[in-house]
C-alpha atoms as a PDB file:
ATOM      1  CA  SER A   1      38.520  10.449  -7.085  1.00  0.00           C
ATOM      2  CA  ALA A   2      35.231  11.826  -5.133  1.00  0.00           C
ATOM      3  CA  ALA A   3      33.120  10.970  -7.743  1.00  0.00           C
ATOM      4  CA  ILE A   4      33.804   7.119  -8.492  1.00  0.00           C
ATOM      5  CA  LYS A   5      33.762   6.815  -4.964  1.00  0.00           C
ATOM      6  CA  ALA A   6      30.314   7.807  -5.741  1.00  0.00           C
ATOM      7  CA  HIS A   7      29.524   5.781  -8.300  1.00  0.00           C
ATOM      8  CA  LYS A   8      30.349   2.246  -6.449  1.00  0.00           C
ATOM      9  CA  ALA A   9      28.638   2.999  -3.543  1.00  0.00           C
ATOM     10  CA  ILE A  10      25.261   3.618  -6.133  1.00  0.00           C
ATOM     11  CA  GLU A  11      25.765   0.513  -7.752  1.00  0.00           C
ATOM     12  CA  LYS A  12      26.351  -1.262  -4.833  1.00  0.00           C
ATOM     13  CA  ALA A  13      22.844   0.165  -3.506  1.00  0.00           C
ATOM     14  CA  ARG A  14      21.205  -0.643  -7.239  1.00  0.00           C
ATOM     15  CA  ILE A  15      22.826  -4.622  -6.538  1.00  0.00           C
ATOM     16  CA  CYS A  16      21.758  -4.779  -3.561  1.00  0.00           C
ATOM     17  CA  ILE A  17      17.849  -3.232  -4.231  1.00  0.00           C
ATOM     18  CA  ALA A  18      17.784  -5.682  -7.387  1.00  0.00           C
ATOM     19  CA  GLU A  19      18.921  -9.170  -4.665  1.00  0.00           C
ATOM     20  CA  CYS A  20      16.297  -7.550  -2.187  1.00  0.00           C
ATOM     21  CA  ILE A  21      13.301  -7.952  -4.773  1.00  0.00           C
ATOM     22  CA  GLY A  22      14.714 -10.415  -7.241  1.00  0.00           C
ATOM     23  CA  ALA A  23      15.559  -8.202 -10.514  1.00  0.00           C
ATOM     24  CA  GLU A  24      18.104  -7.504 -12.235  1.00  0.00           C
ATOM     25  CA  PRO A  25      20.538  -4.546 -11.619  1.00  0.00           C
ATOM     26  CA  SER A  26      20.282  -3.485 -14.895  1.00  0.00           C
ATOM     27  CA  GLU A  27      16.589  -3.051 -13.757  1.00  0.00           C
ATOM     28  CA  ILE A  28      16.040  -0.223 -10.918  1.00  0.00           C
ATOM     29  CA  TYR A  29      16.244   3.515 -11.712  1.00  0.00           C
ATOM     30  CA  PHE A  30      16.831   5.526  -8.547  1.00  0.00           C
ATOM     31  CA  THR A  31      13.927   8.565  -8.219  1.00  0.00           C
ATOM     32  CA  SER A  32      13.094  11.010  -5.631  1.00  0.00           C
ATOM     33  CA  GLY A  33      10.764   8.594  -4.408  1.00  0.00           C
ATOM     34  CA  GLY A  34       7.252   7.218  -4.816  1.00  0.00           C
ATOM     35  CA  THR A  35       6.133   9.823  -6.027  1.00  0.00           C
ATOM     36  CA  GLU A  36       8.263   9.984  -9.174  1.00  0.00           C
ATOM     37  CA  SER A  37       8.106   6.589  -9.983  1.00  0.00           C
ATOM     38  CA  ASP A  38       4.847   6.668  -9.791  1.00  0.00           C
ATOM     39  CA  ASN A  39       3.861   9.275 -12.350  1.00  0.00           C
ATOM     40  CA  TRP A  40       7.515   7.950 -14.330  1.00  0.00           C
ATOM     41  CA  ALA A  41       5.517   4.747 -14.715  1.00  0.00           C
ATOM     42  CA  ILE A  42       2.225   5.950 -15.646  1.00  0.00           C
ATOM     43  CA  LYS A  43       3.402   8.655 -17.805  1.00  0.00           C
ATOM     44  CA  GLY A  44       5.752   6.849 -18.947  1.00  0.00           C
ATOM     45  CA  THR A  45       3.855   4.563 -20.800  1.00  0.00           C
ATOM     46  CA  MET A  46       0.810   6.098 -21.393  1.00  0.00           C
ATOM     47  CA  LEU A  47       2.177   9.133 -23.353  1.00  0.00           C
ATOM     48  CA  PRO A  48       3.910   7.591 -26.114  1.00  0.00           C
ATOM     49  CA  LEU A  49       0.147   6.006 -26.897  1.00  0.00           C
ATOM     50  CA  LYS A  50      -2.904   6.485 -28.733  1.00  0.00           C
ATOM     51  CA  ARG A  51      -5.423   8.067 -26.880  1.00  0.00           C
ATOM     52  CA  SER A  52      -7.670   5.105 -27.218  1.00  0.00           C
ATOM     53  CA  HIS A  53      -5.441   3.104 -24.887  1.00  0.00           C
ATOM     54  CA  GLY A  54      -6.460   2.716 -21.561  1.00  0.00           C
ATOM     55  CA  ILE A  55      -5.363   3.067 -17.708  1.00  0.00           C
ATOM     56  CA  ILE A  56      -6.771   0.929 -15.142  1.00  0.00           C
ATOM     57  CA  SER A  57      -6.358   1.246 -11.085  1.00  0.00           C
ATOM     58  CA  SER A  58      -8.417   1.350  -8.529  1.00  0.00           C
ATOM     59  CA  GLU A  59     -10.315   3.968  -5.916  1.00  0.00           C
ATOM     60  CA  VAL A  60      -8.047   3.674  -3.791  1.00  0.00           C
ATOM     61  CA  GLU A  61      -4.343   3.665  -4.583  1.00  0.00           C
ATOM     62  CA  HIS A  62      -2.582   6.302  -3.524  1.00  0.00           C
ATOM     63  CA  HIS A  63      -3.054  10.446  -4.616  1.00  0.00           C
ATOM     64  CA  ALA A  64       0.259   9.752  -6.725  1.00  0.00           C
ATOM     65  CA  VAL A  65      -1.276   7.037  -8.473  1.00  0.00           C
ATOM     66  CA  LEU A  66      -4.662   8.626  -9.022  1.00  0.00           C
ATOM     67  CA  SER A  67      -3.474  12.674 -10.169  1.00  0.00           C
ATOM     68  CA  SER A  68      -1.613  10.466 -12.203  1.00  0.00           C
ATOM     69  CA  CYS A  69      -4.343   8.434 -14.239  1.00  0.00           C
ATOM     70  CA  SER A  70      -6.637  12.110 -13.302  1.00  0.00           C
ATOM     71  CA  PHE A  71      -3.555  13.678 -15.595  1.00  0.00           C
ATOM     72  CA  MET A  72      -3.948  10.980 -18.215  1.00  0.00           C
ATOM     73  CA  GLU A  73      -8.259  11.371 -18.389  1.00  0.00           C
ATOM     74  CA  ARG A  74      -7.678  15.446 -18.852  1.00  0.00           C
ATOM     75  CA  ILE A  75      -5.933  14.942 -21.597  1.00  0.00           C
ATOM     76  CA  GLY A  76      -7.404  12.374 -23.118  1.00  0.00           C
ATOM     77  CA  TYR A  77      -6.857   8.855 -22.354  1.00  0.00           C
ATOM     78  CA  PRO A  78      -9.895   6.210 -20.413  1.00  0.00           C
ATOM     79  CA  ALA A  79      -8.734   5.380 -17.181  1.00  0.00           C
ATOM     80  CA  THR A  80     -11.106   2.802 -15.746  1.00  0.00           C
ATOM     81  CA  TYR A  81     -11.183   3.190 -11.026  1.00  0.00           C
ATOM     82  CA  LEU A  82     -11.967  -0.615  -9.924  1.00  0.00           C
ATOM     83  CA  LYS A  83     -13.389  -0.894  -6.380  1.00  0.00           C
ATOM     84  CA  PRO A  84     -11.724  -2.757  -4.020  1.00  0.00           C
ATOM     85  CA  ASP A  85     -14.671  -5.577  -2.712  1.00  0.00           C
ATOM     86  CA  ALA A  86     -16.032  -5.103   1.298  1.00  0.00           C
ATOM     87  CA  SER A  87     -12.280  -6.437   2.703  1.00  0.00           C
ATOM     88  CA  GLY A  88     -10.514  -4.150   0.450  1.00  0.00           C
ATOM     89  CA  VAL A  89      -8.896  -6.566  -1.980  1.00  0.00           C
ATOM     90  CA  ILE A  90      -9.243  -5.973  -5.967  1.00  0.00           C
ATOM     91  CA  ALA A  91     -10.508  -9.709  -6.762  1.00  0.00           C
ATOM     92  CA  ALA A  92      -9.275 -11.208 -10.213  1.00  0.00           C
ATOM     93  CA  SER A  93     -13.158 -11.291 -11.247  1.00  0.00           C
ATOM     94  CA  THR A  94     -13.334  -7.201 -10.883  1.00  0.00           C
ATOM     95  CA  LEU A  95     -10.431  -6.600 -13.088  1.00  0.00           C
ATOM     96  CA  LYS A  96     -11.480  -9.177 -16.154  1.00  0.00           C
ATOM     97  CA  GLN A  97     -15.254  -7.507 -15.868  1.00  0.00           C
ATOM     98  CA  ALA A  98     -12.670  -4.307 -16.979  1.00  0.00           C
ATOM     99  CA  ILE A  99     -10.469  -4.706 -18.563  1.00  0.00           C
ATOM    100  CA  SER A 100      -9.737  -5.532 -22.323  1.00  0.00           C
ATOM    101  CA  SER A 101      -7.444  -5.080 -25.602  1.00  0.00           C
ATOM    102  CA  GLU A 102      -7.705  -1.172 -25.314  1.00  0.00           C
ATOM    103  CA  SER A 103      -6.123  -1.576 -21.562  1.00  0.00           C
ATOM    104  CA  ALA A 104      -2.363  -0.633 -22.323  1.00  0.00           C
ATOM    105  CA  LEU A 105      -1.586  -0.578 -18.255  1.00  0.00           C
ATOM    106  CA  VAL A 106      -3.189  -1.835 -15.005  1.00  0.00           C
ATOM    107  CA  THR A 107      -1.880  -0.093 -11.680  1.00  0.00           C
ATOM    108  CA  ILE A 108      -2.344  -1.546  -8.541  1.00  0.00           C
ATOM    109  CA  MET A 109      -0.940  -1.300  -5.547  1.00  0.00           C
ATOM    110  CA  LEU A 110       0.633  -4.505  -3.466  1.00  0.00           C
ATOM    111  CA  VAL A 111       0.066  -3.153  -0.044  1.00  0.00           C
ATOM    112  CA  ASN A 112      -3.114  -0.054   0.812  1.00  0.00           C
ATOM    113  CA  ASN A 113      -1.184   2.531   2.821  1.00  0.00           C
ATOM    114  CA  GLU A 114      -5.033   2.536   5.060  1.00  0.00           C
ATOM    115  CA  LEU A 115      -6.680  -0.233   5.016  1.00  0.00           C
ATOM    116  CA  GLY A 116      -3.554  -2.915   5.091  1.00  0.00           C
ATOM    117  CA  THR A 117      -4.504  -4.614   3.097  1.00  0.00           C
ATOM    118  CA  ILE A 118      -2.463  -6.611   0.400  1.00  0.00           C
ATOM    119  CA  GLU A 119      -3.808  -7.366  -3.209  1.00  0.00           C
ATOM    120  CA  PRO A 120      -3.313 -10.549  -5.370  1.00  0.00           C
ATOM    121  CA  ILE A 121      -0.536  -8.561  -7.657  1.00  0.00           C
ATOM    122  CA  ASP A 122      -0.025 -11.930  -9.672  1.00  0.00           C
ATOM    123  CA  GLU A 123      -3.445 -12.821 -10.282  1.00  0.00           C
ATOM    124  CA  LEU A 124      -3.808  -9.015 -11.262  1.00  0.00           C
ATOM    125  CA  ALA A 125      -0.271  -9.543 -13.790  1.00  0.00           C
ATOM    126  CA  ASN A 126      -1.336 -12.633 -15.213  1.00  0.00           C
ATOM    127  CA  ILE A 127      -4.776 -10.845 -16.298  1.00  0.00           C
ATOM    128  CA  ALA A 128      -3.163  -7.784 -17.795  1.00  0.00           C
ATOM    129  CA  HIS A 129      -0.840  -9.732 -19.614  1.00  0.00           C
ATOM    130  CA  TYR A 130      -3.330 -11.741 -21.195  1.00  0.00           C
ATOM    131  CA  TYR A 131      -4.630  -8.557 -22.685  1.00  0.00           C
ATOM    132  CA  ASP A 132      -1.250  -7.575 -23.463  1.00  0.00           C
ATOM    133  CA  ALA A 133      -1.767  -4.841 -20.879  1.00  0.00           C
ATOM    134  CA  VAL A 134       1.765  -3.226 -18.373  1.00  0.00           C
ATOM    135  CA  PHE A 135       1.419  -4.216 -15.230  1.00  0.00           C
ATOM    136  CA  HIS A 136       2.893  -1.511 -12.760  1.00  0.00           C
ATOM    137  CA  THR A 137       2.597  -2.114  -8.873  1.00  0.00           C
ATOM    138  CA  ASP A 138       2.972   0.676  -5.921  1.00  0.00           C
ATOM    139  CA  ALA A 139       5.336  -1.086  -3.676  1.00  0.00           C
ATOM    140  CA  VAL A 140       5.968   1.417  -0.517  1.00  0.00           C
ATOM    141  CA  GLN A 141       3.776   0.421   1.773  1.00  0.00           C
ATOM    142  CA  ALA A 142       5.257  -3.417   0.914  1.00  0.00           C
ATOM    143  CA  VAL A 143       9.062  -3.415  -0.010  1.00  0.00           C
ATOM    144  CA  GLY A 144      11.212  -3.898   3.367  1.00  0.00           C
ATOM    145  CA  HIS A 145       7.700  -5.296   5.369  1.00  0.00           C
ATOM    146  CA  ILE A 146       6.615  -8.179   3.366  1.00  0.00           C
ATOM    147  CA  PRO A 147       8.793 -10.420   0.834  1.00  0.00           C
ATOM    148  CA  VAL A 148       8.582  -9.406  -2.311  1.00  0.00           C
ATOM    149  CA  ASP A 149       9.944  -9.995  -5.924  1.00  0.00           C
ATOM    150  CA  VAL A 150       8.799  -8.871  -9.254  1.00  0.00           C
ATOM    151  CA  ASN A 151       9.352 -12.048 -10.601  1.00  0.00           C
ATOM    152  CA  ALA A 152       6.762 -13.975  -7.808  1.00  0.00           C
ATOM    153  CA  LEU A 153       4.286 -11.025  -8.525  1.00  0.00           C
ATOM    154  CA  GLY A 154       4.685 -11.191 -12.377  1.00  0.00           C
ATOM    155  CA  VAL A 155       5.051  -7.351 -12.499  1.00  0.00           C
ATOM    156  CA  ASP A 156       6.474  -5.162 -15.371  1.00  0.00           C
ATOM    157  CA  MET A 157       7.051  -1.807 -13.265  1.00  0.00           C
ATOM    158  CA  LEU A 158       7.334  -1.819  -9.371  1.00  0.00           C
ATOM    159  CA  SER A 159       7.492   1.469  -7.102  1.00  0.00           C
ATOM    160  CA  ALA A 160       9.106   1.926  -3.752  1.00  0.00           C
ATOM    161  CA  SER A 161      10.415   5.323  -1.202  1.00  0.00           C
ATOM    162  CA  ALA A 162      13.533   4.893   0.762  1.00  0.00           C
ATOM    163  CA  HIS A 163      12.515   6.592   3.787  1.00  0.00           C
ATOM    164  CA  LYS A 164       9.292   3.797   3.939  1.00  0.00           C
ATOM    165  CA  PHE A 165      12.375   0.619   4.221  1.00  0.00           C
ATOM    166  CA  GLY A 166      15.066   2.999   6.547  1.00  0.00           C
ATOM    167  CA  GLY A 167      16.416   5.192   3.463  1.00  0.00           C
ATOM    168  CA  PRO A 168      17.355   8.477   3.668  1.00  0.00           C
ATOM    169  CA  LYS A 169      14.632  10.843   2.338  1.00  0.00           C
ATOM    170  CA  GLY A 170      13.907  11.960  -0.872  1.00  0.00           C
ATOM    171  CA  ILE A 171      14.829   8.935  -2.569  1.00  0.00           C
ATOM    172  CA  GLY A 172      13.304   5.855  -4.482  1.00  0.00           C
ATOM    173  CA  PHE A 173      13.087   3.248  -7.055  1.00  0.00           C
ATOM    174  CA  LEU A 174      11.329   2.522  -9.727  1.00  0.00           C
ATOM    175  CA  PHE A 175      12.175  -1.459 -11.352  1.00  0.00           C
ATOM    176  CA  ILE A 176      11.638  -1.395 -15.048  1.00  0.00           C
ATOM    177  CA  ARG A 177      11.556  -5.450 -16.067  1.00  0.00           C
ATOM    178  CA  ASN A 178      13.902  -5.702 -18.770  1.00  0.00           C
ATOM    179  CA  GLY A 179      11.437  -4.906 -22.094  1.00  0.00           C
ATOM    180  CA  THR A 180       9.636  -2.781 -20.833  1.00  0.00           C
ATOM    181  CA  HIS A 181       8.947   1.177 -22.881  1.00  0.00           C
ATOM    182  CA  LEU A 182       9.365   3.487 -20.427  1.00  0.00           C
ATOM    183  CA  GLU A 183       9.247   7.273 -22.173  1.00  0.00           C
ATOM    184  CA  GLU A 184      11.541   9.008 -20.388  1.00  0.00           C
ATOM    185  CA  LEU A 185      10.268  12.278 -18.775  1.00  0.00           C
ATOM    186  CA  LEU A 186      12.438  14.197 -17.654  1.00  0.00           C
END
């Protein structure tokens, strides 16, 4: 009976989170936090692919994203790091110059944890999808603070951490849009 009660609480939380970000409950995967979610999104997307496929990120990402991209580089996957403009924004034109048909993943944070800039994720995701690349956003600094709708943003994956929006430490989630393939890491 204790397990049934715990299962119901988890499913209730899954439904609540899904409603908050415009997702389906089946698209919410609980993790230990933003770092695990970022790692799973990046490594889980890239590991099944040929090493000719690349990652595009930015120079101002959270270290969880930068470390995952660096790891993928060390094992042979190319990575490109976009430079933000003077106000800290990754311009759509900057992504257009860097992306190609060999780009498999674009990962740009929604709200920068140091600058507070809000990136034009919907524009960037549209560009990524034009090239058939998967789009991930680290939304740890956004969820619970600004409106976040995965459909309006057009993202395939979104990472969040519960302690940033009033939940307990050691809990997070990864939104994975239905149809997006991700290799299991654990």
